Amino acid sequence: MALPESAVTFLSRHIERIQRLAGKKRIVFPEGNDPRVIAAAVRLERDGVVKPILIGPKPAGASGVASIDPADSPLVRKYASVLYEKRRAKGVTESEAAEFARKPLYFAALMVAAGDADGGVGGAATSTADTVRAALHSIGMPPRFRTVSSMSILASRESCLGHHGLLAFADCAIVIDPSAVQLAEIAIASAESTRVLIGVEPAVALLSFSTKGSAKHKQVDKIVEALRIVKARAPDLHIDGELQADAALAEAVGRAKAPGSTVAGHANTLVFPDLNSANIGCKIAERIGGVAVMGPFLQGLEKPFNDLSRGCSADDIYNTALVTAVQTQTCY
């Protein structure tokens, strides 16, 4: 099935944005011998949109694409030192740091941490848990965040939804049962991702099965508390909750269920109360609603490093690299 026009526009705009940046962004791929990664890297190099760097032995068929093999790279010592400084308070020894630095996933993440690459894309052959762990240990989070989360971009054929058919969904991949504080951090990070990736001011809806007190439950209380925290930490953020999904997305329903709310009926960023609802909602939208899903993209890291599905295609990897290059402009 062809991509919705909103998805085509989204990707085309990012290519244009990347081409306007000063210098090509260097995106590192830890699974440098995966055929899908190689195909995406060759295309990225050919199109001239980013500078791909493959980690591992130089693969056949990747002429012109840079590659680094940790097995014989002098950078291992430098990256081991970076990791040791970050993790010694957690009990990691120098020899353990050196061992980790030789692993392609950690080598790639440390390359980003050290400034030798601008962003990374992993997970084509490794689990989300391993990819996120390497990014957390190597890159870390900025001081104002204590939660790494994810957001997905959904592109609908219905231009009335979100921003011309584009919506941000969070968190569909990482935090299973966020506390009110974590939910607030996810909302703040997702708003910045919407601003950078979709290119519009965020209108954030904290979703629930209740709208403005229509139901009473401790799960609703969590949403109310998250909203209070966001308003204290980011008072200028355009956010409201708790809102049911129809109240967040449909203008008529929003007016009826949440009169006076400037977010209801106009939301472009949906923050779900937990991973169950976010993941299920995202996949239902994709399989039943005919929506194209891009991501998930990690947020809350000091520098961009994104995770792929192990079932990803070369096109998925290419598109994720584009978004990663754009994320280098994100300032949390």
C-alpha atoms as a PDB file:
ATOM      1  CA  MET A   1       0.000   0.000   0.000  1.00  0.00           C
ATOM      2  CA  ALA A   2       1.287   3.452  -0.900  1.00  0.00           C
ATOM      3  CA  LEU A   3       2.265   5.776   1.931  1.00  0.00           C
ATOM      4  CA  PRO A   4      -0.256   8.442   2.894  1.00  0.00           C
ATOM      5  CA  GLU A   5       0.515  11.844   1.404  1.00  0.00           C
ATOM      6  CA  SER A   6       1.216  13.136   4.920  1.00  0.00           C
ATOM      7  CA  ALA A   7       4.034  10.577   5.307  1.00  0.00           C
ATOM      8  CA  VAL A   8       5.545  11.417   1.920  1.00  0.00           C
ATOM      9  CA  THR A   9       5.479  15.118   2.770  1.00  0.00           C
ATOM     10  CA  PHE A  10       6.987  14.465   6.198  1.00  0.00           C
ATOM     11  CA  LEU A  11       9.949  12.545   4.781  1.00  0.00           C
ATOM     12  CA  SER A  12      10.493  14.913   1.850  1.00  0.00           C
ATOM     13  CA  ARG A  13      10.550  17.898   4.185  1.00  0.00           C
ATOM     14  CA  HIS A  14      13.158  16.230   6.372  1.00  0.00           C
ATOM     15  CA  ILE A  15      15.408  15.565   3.394  1.00  0.00           C
ATOM     16  CA  GLU A  16      15.166  19.264   2.498  1.00  0.00           C
ATOM     17  CA  ARG A  17      15.931  20.274   6.100  1.00  0.00           C
ATOM     18  CA  ILE A  18      18.946  17.997   6.309  1.00  0.00           C
ATOM     19  CA  GLN A  19      20.330  19.310   3.037  1.00  0.00           C
ATOM     20  CA  ARG A  20      20.175  22.847   4.459  1.00  0.00           C
ATOM     21  CA  LEU A  21      22.223  21.925   7.549  1.00  0.00           C
ATOM     22  CA  ALA A  22      25.861  22.977   7.720  1.00  0.00           C
ATOM     23  CA  GLY A  23      27.777  19.800   6.900  1.00  0.00           C
ATOM     24  CA  LYS A  24      26.389  16.296   6.588  1.00  0.00           C
ATOM     25  CA  LYS A  25      25.315  14.685   9.836  1.00  0.00           C
ATOM     26  CA  ARG A  26      27.290  11.558  10.690  1.00  0.00           C
ATOM     27  CA  ILE A  27      24.988   8.657  11.549  1.00  0.00           C
ATOM     28  CA  VAL A  28      26.562   5.478  12.903  1.00  0.00           C
ATOM     29  CA  PHE A  29      25.084   1.978  12.478  1.00  0.00           C
ATOM     30  CA  PRO A  30      26.319  -0.711  14.928  1.00  0.00           C
ATOM     31  CA  GLU A  31      24.973  -3.595  12.807  1.00  0.00           C
ATOM     32  CA  GLY A  32      27.222  -2.766   9.886  1.00  0.00           C
ATOM     33  CA  ASN A  33      27.099  -6.227   8.314  1.00  0.00           C
ATOM     34  CA  ASP A  34      23.313  -6.552   8.200  1.00  0.00           C
ATOM     35  CA  PRO A  35      22.234  -6.533   4.507  1.00  0.00           C
ATOM     36  CA  ARG A  36      19.358  -4.132   5.245  1.00  0.00           C
ATOM     37  CA  VAL A  37      21.671  -1.704   7.027  1.00  0.00           C
ATOM     38  CA  ILE A  38      24.198  -1.900   4.188  1.00  0.00           C
ATOM     39  CA  ALA A  39      21.497  -1.194   1.597  1.00  0.00           C
ATOM     40  CA  ALA A  40      20.229   1.804   3.595  1.00  0.00           C
ATOM     41  CA  ALA A  41      23.773   3.131   4.119  1.00  0.00           C
ATOM     42  CA  VAL A  42      24.622   2.850   0.429  1.00  0.00           C
ATOM     43  CA  ARG A  43      21.450   4.743  -0.448  1.00  0.00           C
ATOM     44  CA  LEU A  44      22.134   7.427   2.182  1.00  0.00           C
ATOM     45  CA  GLU A  45      25.656   7.890   0.838  1.00  0.00           C
ATOM     46  CA  ARG A  46      24.427   7.972  -2.751  1.00  0.00           C
ATOM     47  CA  ASP A  47      21.674  10.484  -1.984  1.00  0.00           C
ATOM     48  CA  GLY A  48      24.108  12.649  -0.045  1.00  0.00           C
ATOM     49  CA  VAL A  49      21.685  13.312   2.822  1.00  0.00           C
ATOM     50  CA  VAL A  50      23.821  12.022   5.725  1.00  0.00           C
ATOM     51  CA  LYS A  51      27.263  10.489   6.195  1.00  0.00           C
ATOM     52  CA  PRO A  52      26.686   6.844   7.208  1.00  0.00           C
ATOM     53  CA  ILE A  53      29.293   4.986   9.265  1.00  0.00           C
ATOM     54  CA  LEU A  54      29.088   1.192   9.466  1.00  0.00           C
ATOM     55  CA  ILE A  55      30.505  -0.611  12.503  1.00  0.00           C
ATOM     56  CA  GLY A  56      32.150  -3.956  11.851  1.00  0.00           C
ATOM     57  CA  PRO A  57      34.406  -5.483   9.185  1.00  0.00           C
ATOM     58  CA  LYS A  58      34.201  -3.663   5.859  1.00  0.00           C
ATOM     59  CA  PRO A  59      31.225  -5.245   4.091  1.00  0.00           C
ATOM     60  CA  ALA A  60      31.164  -6.148   0.435  1.00  0.00           C
ATOM     61  CA  GLY A  61      28.949  -3.969  -1.689  1.00  0.00           C
ATOM     62  CA  ALA A  62      29.408  -0.850   0.445  1.00  0.00           C
ATOM     63  CA  SER A  63      32.003   0.946  -1.626  1.00  0.00           C
ATOM     64  CA  GLY A  64      32.321   4.563  -0.595  1.00  0.00           C
ATOM     65  CA  VAL A  65      30.631   4.044   2.780  1.00  0.00           C
ATOM     66  CA  ALA A  66      32.842   4.584   5.831  1.00  0.00           C
ATOM     67  CA  SER A  67      33.289   1.640   8.178  1.00  0.00           C
ATOM     68  CA  ILE A  68      35.128   1.034  11.446  1.00  0.00           C
ATOM     69  CA  ASP A  69      35.905  -2.365  12.942  1.00  0.00           C
ATOM     70  CA  PRO A  70      36.157  -2.209  16.772  1.00  0.00           C
ATOM     71  CA  ALA A  71      38.300  -5.344  16.659  1.00  0.00           C
ATOM     72  CA  ASP A  72      41.291  -3.353  15.442  1.00  0.00           C
ATOM     73  CA  SER A  73      40.314   0.296  16.016  1.00  0.00           C
ATOM     74  CA  PRO A  74      42.507   2.553  18.189  1.00  0.00           C
ATOM     75  CA  LEU A  75      39.311   4.362  19.162  1.00  0.00           C
ATOM     76  CA  VAL A  76      38.435   1.538  21.576  1.00  0.00           C
ATOM     77  CA  ARG A  77      40.825   2.933  24.177  1.00  0.00           C
ATOM     78  CA  LYS A  78      39.289   6.415  23.882  1.00  0.00           C
ATOM     79  CA  TYR A  79      35.740   5.090  24.122  1.00  0.00           C
ATOM     80  CA  ALA A  80      36.579   2.818  27.033  1.00  0.00           C
ATOM     81  CA  SER A  81      37.796   5.897  28.897  1.00  0.00           C
ATOM     82  CA  VAL A  82      34.557   7.733  28.098  1.00  0.00           C
ATOM     83  CA  LEU A  83      32.462   4.818  29.368  1.00  0.00           C
ATOM     84  CA  TYR A  84      34.586   4.344  32.482  1.00  0.00           C
ATOM     85  CA  GLU A  85      34.127   7.990  33.478  1.00  0.00           C
ATOM     86  CA  LYS A  86      30.378   7.687  33.005  1.00  0.00           C
ATOM     87  CA  ARG A  87      29.939   4.335  34.762  1.00  0.00           C
ATOM     88  CA  ARG A  88      32.655   3.983  37.400  1.00  0.00           C
ATOM     89  CA  ALA A  89      30.300   5.331  40.085  1.00  0.00           C
ATOM     90  CA  LYS A  90      28.091   2.337  39.233  1.00  0.00           C
ATOM     91  CA  GLY A  91      30.984  -0.051  39.854  1.00  0.00           C
ATOM     92  CA  VAL A  92      32.208  -0.546  36.283  1.00  0.00           C
ATOM     93  CA  THR A  93      35.963  -1.227  36.183  1.00  0.00           C
ATOM     94  CA  GLU A  94      38.397  -0.042  33.512  1.00  0.00           C
ATOM     95  CA  SER A  95      38.731  -3.557  32.100  1.00  0.00           C
ATOM     96  CA  GLU A  96      34.945  -3.957  31.962  1.00  0.00           C
ATOM     97  CA  ALA A  97      34.637  -0.579  30.210  1.00  0.00           C
ATOM     98  CA  ALA A  98      37.202  -1.725  27.628  1.00  0.00           C
ATOM     99  CA  GLU A  99      35.267  -4.946  27.072  1.00  0.00           C
ATOM    100  CA  PHE A 100      32.003  -3.047  26.532  1.00  0.00           C
ATOM    101  CA  ALA A 101      33.678  -0.535  24.205  1.00  0.00           C
ATOM    102  CA  ARG A 102      34.631  -3.358  21.812  1.00  0.00           C
ATOM    103  CA  LYS A 103      30.986  -4.367  21.385  1.00  0.00           C
ATOM    104  CA  PRO A 104      29.530  -2.798  18.219  1.00  0.00           C
ATOM    105  CA  LEU A 105      26.421  -1.449  19.959  1.00  0.00           C
ATOM    106  CA  TYR A 106      28.399   0.245  22.717  1.00  0.00           C
ATOM    107  CA  PHE A 107      31.135   1.328  20.300  1.00  0.00           C
ATOM    108  CA  ALA A 108      28.516   3.112  18.170  1.00  0.00           C
ATOM    109  CA  ALA A 109      26.795   4.749  21.149  1.00  0.00           C
ATOM    110  CA  LEU A 110      30.155   5.864  22.571  1.00  0.00           C
ATOM    111  CA  MET A 111      31.067   7.271  19.182  1.00  0.00           C
ATOM    112  CA  VAL A 112      28.012   9.531  19.497  1.00  0.00           C
ATOM    113  CA  ALA A 113      28.814  10.372  23.119  1.00  0.00           C
ATOM    114  CA  ALA A 114      32.370  11.362  22.173  1.00  0.00           C
ATOM    115  CA  GLY A 115      31.188  13.591  19.319  1.00  0.00           C
ATOM    116  CA  ASP A 116      32.706  11.428  16.579  1.00  0.00           C
ATOM    117  CA  ALA A 117      29.195  10.824  15.209  1.00  0.00           C
ATOM    118  CA  ASP A 118      26.115  13.023  15.453  1.00  0.00           C
ATOM    119  CA  GLY A 119      23.605  10.238  16.000  1.00  0.00           C
ATOM    120  CA  GLY A 120      23.121   6.498  15.843  1.00  0.00           C
ATOM    121  CA  VAL A 121      20.613   3.934  14.598  1.00  0.00           C
ATOM    122  CA  GLY A 122      20.652   0.405  16.034  1.00  0.00           C
ATOM    123  CA  GLY A 123      18.351  -2.472  16.825  1.00  0.00           C
ATOM    124  CA  ALA A 124      18.100  -4.163  13.421  1.00  0.00           C
ATOM    125  CA  ALA A 125      19.445  -7.341  14.999  1.00  0.00           C
ATOM    126  CA  THR A 126      19.344  -6.551  18.730  1.00  0.00           C
ATOM    127  CA  SER A 127      16.563  -6.078  21.254  1.00  0.00           C
ATOM    128  CA  THR A 128      15.133  -2.727  22.258  1.00  0.00           C
ATOM    129  CA  ALA A 129      16.330  -3.343  25.816  1.00  0.00           C
ATOM    130  CA  ASP A 130      19.936  -3.833  24.680  1.00  0.00           C
ATOM    131  CA  THR A 131      19.850  -0.802  22.375  1.00  0.00           C
ATOM    132  CA  VAL A 132      18.358   1.504  25.004  1.00  0.00           C
ATOM    133  CA  ARG A 133      20.767   0.211  27.663  1.00  0.00           C
ATOM    134  CA  ALA A 134      23.796   0.942  25.488  1.00  0.00           C
ATOM    135  CA  ALA A 135      22.491   4.431  24.708  1.00  0.00           C
ATOM    136  CA  LEU A 136      21.713   5.166  28.355  1.00  0.00           C
ATOM    137  CA  HIS A 137      25.077   3.936  29.630  1.00  0.00           C
ATOM    138  CA  SER A 138      27.096   5.605  26.885  1.00  0.00           C
ATOM    139  CA  ILE A 139      25.219   8.813  26.048  1.00  0.00           C
ATOM    140  CA  GLY A 140      23.020   9.417  29.075  1.00  0.00           C
ATOM    141  CA  MET A 141      20.345  12.001  29.674  1.00  0.00           C
ATOM    142  CA  PRO A 142      20.457  15.778  30.062  1.00  0.00           C
ATOM    143  CA  PRO A 143      20.199  16.997  33.686  1.00  0.00           C
ATOM    144  CA  ARG A 144      16.517  17.949  33.471  1.00  0.00           C
ATOM    145  CA  PHE A 145      15.413  14.418  32.515  1.00  0.00           C
ATOM    146  CA  ARG A 146      15.379  11.132  34.369  1.00  0.00           C
ATOM    147  CA  THR A 147      13.271   9.197  31.860  1.00  0.00           C
ATOM    148  CA  VAL A 148      14.098   7.907  28.394  1.00  0.00           C
ATOM    149  CA  SER A 149      10.947   7.322  26.389  1.00  0.00           C
ATOM    150  CA  SER A 150       9.852   7.025  22.783  1.00  0.00           C
ATOM    151  CA  MET A 151       7.466   8.622  20.349  1.00  0.00           C
ATOM    152  CA  SER A 152       6.103   7.450  17.024  1.00  0.00           C
ATOM    153  CA  ILE A 153       4.916   9.585  14.140  1.00  0.00           C
ATOM    154  CA  LEU A 154       1.605   8.417  12.674  1.00  0.00           C
ATOM    155  CA  ALA A 155       0.681   9.617   9.211  1.00  0.00           C
ATOM    156  CA  SER A 156      -3.034   9.421   8.435  1.00  0.00           C
ATOM    157  CA  ARG A 157      -4.886   9.906   5.182  1.00  0.00           C
ATOM    158  CA  GLU A 158      -7.301  12.119   7.142  1.00  0.00           C
ATOM    159  CA  SER A 159      -5.763  15.586   6.923  1.00  0.00           C
ATOM    160  CA  CYS A 160      -8.144  16.890   9.603  1.00  0.00           C
ATOM    161  CA  LEU A 161      -6.325  14.833  12.246  1.00  0.00           C
ATOM    162  CA  GLY A 162      -3.381  16.347  14.105  1.00  0.00           C
ATOM    163  CA  HIS A 163      -1.211  18.523  11.904  1.00  0.00           C
ATOM    164  CA  HIS A 164      -2.338  17.829   8.327  1.00  0.00           C
ATOM    165  CA  GLY A 165      -2.638  14.127   9.165  1.00  0.00           C
ATOM    166  CA  LEU A 166       0.486  13.850  11.312  1.00  0.00           C
ATOM    167  CA  LEU A 167       0.249  12.812  14.962  1.00  0.00           C
ATOM    168  CA  ALA A 168       2.804  12.012  17.658  1.00  0.00           C
ATOM    169  CA  PHE A 169       2.080   8.971  19.867  1.00  0.00           C
ATOM    170  CA  ALA A 170       3.992   8.444  23.127  1.00  0.00           C
ATOM    171  CA  ASP A 171       5.226   6.223  24.674  1.00  0.00           C
ATOM    172  CA  CYS A 172       4.709   3.165  22.478  1.00  0.00           C
ATOM    173  CA  ALA A 173       7.929   1.276  23.232  1.00  0.00           C
ATOM    174  CA  ILE A 174       9.849   1.964  26.442  1.00  0.00           C
ATOM    175  CA  VAL A 175       8.163   2.858  29.768  1.00  0.00           C
ATOM    176  CA  ILE A 176       5.688   0.150  30.724  1.00  0.00           C
ATOM    177  CA  ASP A 177       3.808   1.787  33.593  1.00  0.00           C
ATOM    178  CA  PRO A 178       4.970   5.388  34.023  1.00  0.00           C
ATOM    179  CA  SER A 179       4.468   7.236  37.274  1.00  0.00           C
ATOM    180  CA  ALA A 180       2.936  10.715  37.222  1.00  0.00           C
ATOM    181  CA  VAL A 181       6.438  12.217  37.200  1.00  0.00           C
ATOM    182  CA  GLN A 182       7.540   9.969  34.326  1.00  0.00           C
ATOM    183  CA  LEU A 183       4.347  10.729  32.408  1.00  0.00           C
ATOM    184  CA  ALA A 184       5.049  14.444  32.801  1.00  0.00           C
ATOM    185  CA  GLU A 185       8.587  13.966  31.465  1.00  0.00           C
ATOM    186  CA  ILE A 186       7.262  11.942  28.531  1.00  0.00           C
ATOM    187  CA  ALA A 187       4.809  14.746  27.743  1.00  0.00           C
ATOM    188  CA  ILE A 188       7.503  17.447  27.865  1.00  0.00           C
ATOM    189  CA  ALA A 189       9.925  15.422  25.739  1.00  0.00           C
ATOM    190  CA  SER A 190       7.175  14.507  23.258  1.00  0.00           C
ATOM    191  CA  ALA A 191       6.208  18.151  22.881  1.00  0.00           C
ATOM    192  CA  GLU A 192       9.776  19.023  21.931  1.00  0.00           C
ATOM    193  CA  SER A 193       9.893  16.087  19.517  1.00  0.00           C
ATOM    194  CA  THR A 194       6.675  17.310  17.895  1.00  0.00           C
ATOM    195  CA  ARG A 195       8.143  20.780  17.556  1.00  0.00           C
ATOM    196  CA  VAL A 196      11.335  19.485  15.947  1.00  0.00           C
ATOM    197  CA  LEU A 197      10.085  16.547  13.885  1.00  0.00           C
ATOM    198  CA  ILE A 198       6.588  17.582  12.804  1.00  0.00           C
ATOM    199  CA  GLY A 199       7.503  21.248  12.695  1.00  0.00           C
ATOM    200  CA  VAL A 200       4.474  22.601  14.529  1.00  0.00           C
ATOM    201  CA  GLU A 201       3.750  23.925  17.994  1.00  0.00           C
ATOM    202  CA  PRO A 202       2.618  20.956  20.101  1.00  0.00           C
ATOM    203  CA  ALA A 203      -0.926  20.594  21.377  1.00  0.00           C
ATOM    204  CA  VAL A 204      -0.521  17.799  23.914  1.00  0.00           C
ATOM    205  CA  ALA A 205      -3.354  15.614  25.170  1.00  0.00           C
ATOM    206  CA  LEU A 206      -2.858  13.425  28.231  1.00  0.00           C
ATOM    207  CA  LEU A 207      -5.147  10.529  27.347  1.00  0.00           C
ATOM    208  CA  SER A 208      -7.372   8.549  29.674  1.00  0.00           C
ATOM    209  CA  PHE A 209     -10.665   6.645  29.741  1.00  0.00           C
ATOM    210  CA  SER A 210     -12.009   9.754  31.487  1.00  0.00           C
ATOM    211  CA  THR A 211     -12.504  13.325  30.302  1.00  0.00           C
ATOM    212  CA  LYS A 212     -12.324  16.097  32.881  1.00  0.00           C
ATOM    213  CA  GLY A 213     -13.549  14.047  35.820  1.00  0.00           C
ATOM    214  CA  SER A 214     -16.163  11.953  33.985  1.00  0.00           C
ATOM    215  CA  ALA A 215     -14.764   8.930  35.855  1.00  0.00           C
ATOM    216  CA  LYS A 216     -13.051   8.521  39.213  1.00  0.00           C
ATOM    217  CA  HIS A 217     -10.105   6.129  39.571  1.00  0.00           C
ATOM    218  CA  LYS A 218      -6.499   6.147  40.741  1.00  0.00           C
ATOM    219  CA  GLN A 219      -5.408   5.822  37.103  1.00  0.00           C
ATOM    220  CA  VAL A 220      -7.249   9.057  36.355  1.00  0.00           C
ATOM    221  CA  ASP A 221      -5.633  10.667  39.395  1.00  0.00           C
ATOM    222  CA  LYS A 222      -2.225   9.862  37.877  1.00  0.00           C
ATOM    223  CA  ILE A 223      -3.101  11.801  34.727  1.00  0.00           C
ATOM    224  CA  VAL A 224      -4.324  14.779  36.752  1.00  0.00           C
ATOM    225  CA  GLU A 225      -1.103  14.768  38.771  1.00  0.00           C
ATOM    226  CA  ALA A 226       1.016  14.508  35.621  1.00  0.00           C
ATOM    227  CA  LEU A 227      -0.757  17.574  34.214  1.00  0.00           C
ATOM    228  CA  ARG A 228      -0.045  19.491  37.424  1.00  0.00           C
ATOM    229  CA  ILE A 229       3.663  18.576  37.203  1.00  0.00           C
ATOM    230  CA  VAL A 230       3.909  19.607  33.547  1.00  0.00           C
ATOM    231  CA  LYS A 231       2.272  22.966  34.235  1.00  0.00           C
ATOM    232  CA  ALA A 232       4.745  23.581  37.062  1.00  0.00           C
ATOM    233  CA  ARG A 233       7.791  22.574  35.013  1.00  0.00           C
ATOM    234  CA  ALA A 234       6.753  23.872  31.582  1.00  0.00           C
ATOM    235  CA  PRO A 235       4.050  26.507  32.166  1.00  0.00           C
ATOM    236  CA  ASP A 236       4.017  27.671  28.540  1.00  0.00           C
ATOM    237  CA  LEU A 237       3.368  24.198  27.129  1.00  0.00           C
ATOM    238  CA  HIS A 238      -0.008  23.833  25.375  1.00  0.00           C
ATOM    239  CA  ILE A 239      -1.316  20.761  27.184  1.00  0.00           C
ATOM    240  CA  ASP A 240      -4.541  19.452  28.692  1.00  0.00           C
ATOM    241  CA  GLY A 241      -5.928  16.333  30.314  1.00  0.00           C
ATOM    242  CA  GLU A 242      -7.371  14.090  31.209  1.00  0.00           C
ATOM    243  CA  LEU A 243      -8.973  13.604  27.804  1.00  0.00           C
ATOM    244  CA  GLN A 244     -10.475  10.597  26.064  1.00  0.00           C
ATOM    245  CA  ALA A 245      -9.088   9.973  22.585  1.00  0.00           C
ATOM    246  CA  ASP A 246     -12.227  11.139  20.802  1.00  0.00           C
ATOM    247  CA  ALA A 247     -12.283  14.336  22.839  1.00  0.00           C
ATOM    248  CA  ALA A 248      -8.648  14.955  21.972  1.00  0.00           C
ATOM    249  CA  LEU A 249      -9.038  14.378  18.227  1.00  0.00           C
ATOM    250  CA  ALA A 250     -12.593  15.279  17.164  1.00  0.00           C
ATOM    251  CA  GLU A 251     -13.494  18.948  17.412  1.00  0.00           C
ATOM    252  CA  ALA A 252     -17.214  18.415  17.978  1.00  0.00           C
ATOM    253  CA  VAL A 253     -16.592  15.806  20.667  1.00  0.00           C
ATOM    254  CA  GLY A 254     -13.969  17.997  22.294  1.00  0.00           C
ATOM    255  CA  ARG A 255     -16.391  20.915  22.520  1.00  0.00           C
ATOM    256  CA  ALA A 256     -19.057  18.670  24.065  1.00  0.00           C
ATOM    257  CA  LYS A 257     -16.869  16.799  26.543  1.00  0.00           C
ATOM    258  CA  ALA A 258     -14.289  19.459  27.418  1.00  0.00           C
ATOM    259  CA  PRO A 259     -15.799  22.893  26.782  1.00  0.00           C
ATOM    260  CA  GLY A 260     -13.225  25.639  27.102  1.00  0.00           C
ATOM    261  CA  SER A 261     -10.246  23.363  26.400  1.00  0.00           C
ATOM    262  CA  THR A 262      -8.004  24.687  23.638  1.00  0.00           C
ATOM    263  CA  VAL A 263      -6.390  21.258  23.174  1.00  0.00           C
ATOM    264  CA  ALA A 264      -9.552  19.138  22.959  1.00  0.00           C
ATOM    265  CA  GLY A 265     -10.366  18.451  19.324  1.00  0.00           C
ATOM    266  CA  HIS A 266      -7.044  19.908  18.172  1.00  0.00           C
ATOM    267  CA  ALA A 267      -4.378  17.635  19.685  1.00  0.00           C
ATOM    268  CA  ASN A 268      -1.356  16.713  17.575  1.00  0.00           C
ATOM    269  CA  THR A 269       0.554  14.942  20.368  1.00  0.00           C
ATOM    270  CA  LEU A 270      -1.100  12.074  22.229  1.00  0.00           C
ATOM    271  CA  VAL A 271       0.469  10.899  25.487  1.00  0.00           C
ATOM    272  CA  PHE A 272      -0.951   7.553  26.577  1.00  0.00           C
ATOM    273  CA  PRO A 273      -1.194   6.548  30.247  1.00  0.00           C
ATOM    274  CA  ASP A 274       0.890   3.385  29.836  1.00  0.00           C
ATOM    275  CA  LEU A 275       2.696   1.186  27.338  1.00  0.00           C
ATOM    276  CA  ASN A 276      -0.227  -1.220  27.005  1.00  0.00           C
ATOM    277  CA  SER A 277      -2.622   1.405  25.700  1.00  0.00           C
ATOM    278  CA  ALA A 278      -0.001   3.211  23.589  1.00  0.00           C
ATOM    279  CA  ASN A 279       1.302   0.106  21.854  1.00  0.00           C
ATOM    280  CA  ILE A 280      -2.168  -1.322  21.245  1.00  0.00           C
ATOM    281  CA  GLY A 281      -3.501   2.013  19.998  1.00  0.00           C
ATOM    282  CA  CYS A 282      -0.575   2.473  17.632  1.00  0.00           C
ATOM    283  CA  LYS A 283      -0.914  -0.998  16.119  1.00  0.00           C
ATOM    284  CA  ILE A 284      -4.692  -0.759  15.748  1.00  0.00           C
ATOM    285  CA  ALA A 285      -4.289   2.561  13.947  1.00  0.00           C
ATOM    286  CA  GLU A 286      -1.730   0.944  11.641  1.00  0.00           C
ATOM    287  CA  ARG A 287      -3.591  -2.290  10.891  1.00  0.00           C
ATOM    288  CA  ILE A 288      -7.206  -1.122  10.861  1.00  0.00           C
ATOM    289  CA  GLY A 289      -6.921   2.594  10.218  1.00  0.00           C
ATOM    290  CA  GLY A 290      -4.457   2.371   7.340  1.00  0.00           C
ATOM    291  CA  VAL A 291      -2.093   4.747   9.108  1.00  0.00           C
ATOM    292  CA  ALA A 292       1.650   4.714   8.363  1.00  0.00           C
ATOM    293  CA  VAL A 293       3.740   4.456  11.522  1.00  0.00           C
ATOM    294  CA  MET A 294       7.259   5.868  11.616  1.00  0.00           C
ATOM    295  CA  GLY A 295       9.400   5.112  14.634  1.00  0.00           C
ATOM    296  CA  PRO A 296       9.514   4.685  17.523  1.00  0.00           C
ATOM    297  CA  PHE A 297      12.174   7.347  18.070  1.00  0.00           C
ATOM    298  CA  LEU A 298      13.946   7.618  21.394  1.00  0.00           C
ATOM    299  CA  GLN A 299      13.675  10.874  23.315  1.00  0.00           C
ATOM    300  CA  GLY A 300      15.213  12.157  26.521  1.00  0.00           C
ATOM    301  CA  LEU A 301      18.801  11.249  25.559  1.00  0.00           C
ATOM    302  CA  GLU A 302      21.596  13.829  25.527  1.00  0.00           C
ATOM    303  CA  LYS A 303      22.218  13.013  21.843  1.00  0.00           C
ATOM    304  CA  PRO A 304      20.059  11.079  19.349  1.00  0.00           C
ATOM    305  CA  PHE A 305      20.299   7.302  19.162  1.00  0.00           C
ATOM    306  CA  ASN A 306      17.334   5.399  17.763  1.00  0.00           C
ATOM    307  CA  ASP A 307      16.074   1.852  17.973  1.00  0.00           C
ATOM    308  CA  LEU A 308      14.795  -0.233  15.062  1.00  0.00           C
ATOM    309  CA  SER A 309      12.426  -3.163  14.972  1.00  0.00           C
ATOM    310  CA  ARG A 310      14.206  -6.424  14.176  1.00  0.00           C
ATOM    311  CA  GLY A 311      11.655  -6.803  11.389  1.00  0.00           C
ATOM    312  CA  CYS A 312      12.632  -3.491   9.814  1.00  0.00           C
ATOM    313  CA  SER A 313      13.269  -2.965   6.118  1.00  0.00           C
ATOM    314  CA  ALA A 314      16.061  -1.027   4.424  1.00  0.00           C
ATOM    315  CA  ASP A 315      13.513   1.748   3.821  1.00  0.00           C
ATOM    316  CA  ASP A 316      12.717   1.856   7.548  1.00  0.00           C
ATOM    317  CA  ILE A 317      16.415   2.198   8.349  1.00  0.00           C
ATOM    318  CA  TYR A 318      16.859   4.928   5.749  1.00  0.00           C
ATOM    319  CA  ASN A 319      13.901   6.891   7.107  1.00  0.00           C
ATOM    320  CA  THR A 320      15.019   6.479  10.714  1.00  0.00           C
ATOM    321  CA  ALA A 321      18.442   7.832   9.787  1.00  0.00           C
ATOM    322  CA  LEU A 322      16.768  10.910   8.291  1.00  0.00           C
ATOM    323  CA  VAL A 323      14.804  11.529  11.488  1.00  0.00           C
ATOM    324  CA  THR A 324      17.926  10.945  13.588  1.00  0.00           C
ATOM    325  CA  ALA A 325      19.751  13.629  11.616  1.00  0.00           C
ATOM    326  CA  VAL A 326      16.882  16.053  12.272  1.00  0.00           C
ATOM    327  CA  GLN A 327      16.903  15.142  15.984  1.00  0.00           C
ATOM    328  CA  THR A 328      20.416  16.560  16.266  1.00  0.00           C
ATOM    329  CA  GLN A 329      18.639  19.930  16.399  1.00  0.00           C
ATOM    330  CA  THR A 330      16.638  18.918  19.486  1.00  0.00           C
ATOM    331  CA  CYS A 331      17.645  20.718  22.673  1.00  0.00           C
ATOM    332  CA  TYR A 332      16.129  19.246  25.826  1.00  0.00           C
END
